[in-house]
Amino acid sequence: MSSKELTRKELYNLVWSKPLTQLAKDFGLSDNGLRKICKKYDIPLPKMGHWQKYNTVKK
């Protein structure tokens, strides 16, 4: 598996572009592992229900 370095801003944009579980799967991580990385770099995460609300508004 190849590694890819991301800037904090790139990771922030990814975290706010799709659900954490899907993003973690893309990187081969658990969602909890990705959550810990975000916490380490002080990246705020969408609140619970964010993606359901987003999908409802988008329809």
C-alpha atoms as a PDB file:
ATOM      1  CA  MET A   1       0.000   0.000   0.000  1.00  0.00           C
ATOM      2  CA  SER A   2       1.392   3.396  -0.928  1.00  0.00           C
ATOM      3  CA  SER A   3       1.324   6.304   1.463  1.00  0.00           C
ATOM      4  CA  LYS A   4       0.181   9.791   0.570  1.00  0.00           C
ATOM      5  CA  GLU A   5       0.922  12.903   2.545  1.00  0.00           C
ATOM      6  CA  LEU A   6      -1.842  15.446   2.925  1.00  0.00           C
ATOM      7  CA  THR A   7      -1.733  18.951   4.245  1.00  0.00           C
ATOM      8  CA  ARG A   8      -4.016  19.815   7.138  1.00  0.00           C
ATOM      9  CA  LYS A   9      -6.164  21.868   4.763  1.00  0.00           C
ATOM     10  CA  GLU A  10      -6.476  18.980   2.288  1.00  0.00           C
ATOM     11  CA  LEU A  11      -7.565  16.618   5.059  1.00  0.00           C
ATOM     12  CA  TYR A  12     -10.009  19.216   6.388  1.00  0.00           C
ATOM     13  CA  ASN A  13     -11.572  19.564   2.928  1.00  0.00           C
ATOM     14  CA  LEU A  14     -11.854  15.793   2.550  1.00  0.00           C
ATOM     15  CA  VAL A  15     -13.434  15.368   5.994  1.00  0.00           C
ATOM     16  CA  TRP A  16     -16.107  17.913   5.084  1.00  0.00           C
ATOM     17  CA  SER A  17     -16.701  16.468   1.604  1.00  0.00           C
ATOM     18  CA  LYS A  18     -17.934  12.980   2.522  1.00  0.00           C
ATOM     19  CA  PRO A  19     -18.816  10.856   5.564  1.00  0.00           C
ATOM     20  CA  LEU A  20     -15.897   9.831   7.769  1.00  0.00           C
ATOM     21  CA  THR A  21     -16.631   6.110   7.349  1.00  0.00           C
ATOM     22  CA  GLN A  22     -16.350   6.379   3.553  1.00  0.00           C
ATOM     23  CA  LEU A  23     -13.240   8.533   3.741  1.00  0.00           C
ATOM     24  CA  ALA A  24     -11.568   6.161   6.209  1.00  0.00           C
ATOM     25  CA  LYS A  25     -12.307   3.231   3.887  1.00  0.00           C
ATOM     26  CA  ASP A  26     -10.677   5.147   1.006  1.00  0.00           C
ATOM     27  CA  PHE A  27      -7.497   5.453   3.088  1.00  0.00           C
ATOM     28  CA  GLY A  28      -7.638   1.888   4.438  1.00  0.00           C
ATOM     29  CA  LEU A  29      -8.258   3.073   8.009  1.00  0.00           C
ATOM     30  CA  SER A  30     -10.976   2.601  10.575  1.00  0.00           C
ATOM     31  CA  ASP A  31     -13.236   5.595  11.107  1.00  0.00           C
ATOM     32  CA  ASN A  32     -11.942   5.766  14.678  1.00  0.00           C
ATOM     33  CA  GLY A  33      -8.341   5.837  13.406  1.00  0.00           C
ATOM     34  CA  LEU A  34      -9.155   8.712  11.075  1.00  0.00           C
ATOM     35  CA  ARG A  35     -11.009  10.482  13.884  1.00  0.00           C
ATOM     36  CA  LYS A  36      -7.851  10.268  16.053  1.00  0.00           C
ATOM     37  CA  ILE A  37      -5.727  11.737  13.254  1.00  0.00           C
ATOM     38  CA  CYS A  38      -8.185  14.620  12.889  1.00  0.00           C
ATOM     39  CA  LYS A  39      -8.096  15.220  16.637  1.00  0.00           C
ATOM     40  CA  LYS A  40      -4.273  15.206  16.618  1.00  0.00           C
ATOM     41  CA  TYR A  41      -4.232  17.919  13.939  1.00  0.00           C
ATOM     42  CA  ASP A  42      -7.143  19.864  15.436  1.00  0.00           C
ATOM     43  CA  ILE A  43      -9.464  19.276  12.486  1.00  0.00           C
ATOM     44  CA  PRO A  44     -13.121  19.751  13.439  1.00  0.00           C
ATOM     45  CA  LEU A  45     -15.468  16.951  12.433  1.00  0.00           C
ATOM     46  CA  PRO A  46     -19.055  17.190  11.223  1.00  0.00           C
ATOM     47  CA  LYS A  47     -21.566  16.642  14.024  1.00  0.00           C
ATOM     48  CA  MET A  48     -23.668  13.504  14.163  1.00  0.00           C
ATOM     49  CA  GLY A  49     -26.468  13.692  11.612  1.00  0.00           C
ATOM     50  CA  HIS A  50     -24.659  16.232   9.419  1.00  0.00           C
ATOM     51  CA  TRP A  51     -24.671  13.989   6.348  1.00  0.00           C
ATOM     52  CA  GLN A  52     -28.333  12.999   6.757  1.00  0.00           C
ATOM     53  CA  LYS A  53     -29.287  16.680   6.889  1.00  0.00           C
ATOM     54  CA  TYR A  54     -27.014  17.441   3.946  1.00  0.00           C
ATOM     55  CA  ASN A  55     -28.524  14.637   1.847  1.00  0.00           C
ATOM     56  CA  THR A  56     -32.070  15.732   2.744  1.00  0.00           C
ATOM     57  CA  VAL A  57     -31.402  19.340   1.714  1.00  0.00           C
ATOM     58  CA  LYS A  58     -29.596  18.215  -1.440  1.00  0.00           C
ATOM     59  CA  LYS A  59     -32.591  16.151  -2.703  1.00  0.00           C
END
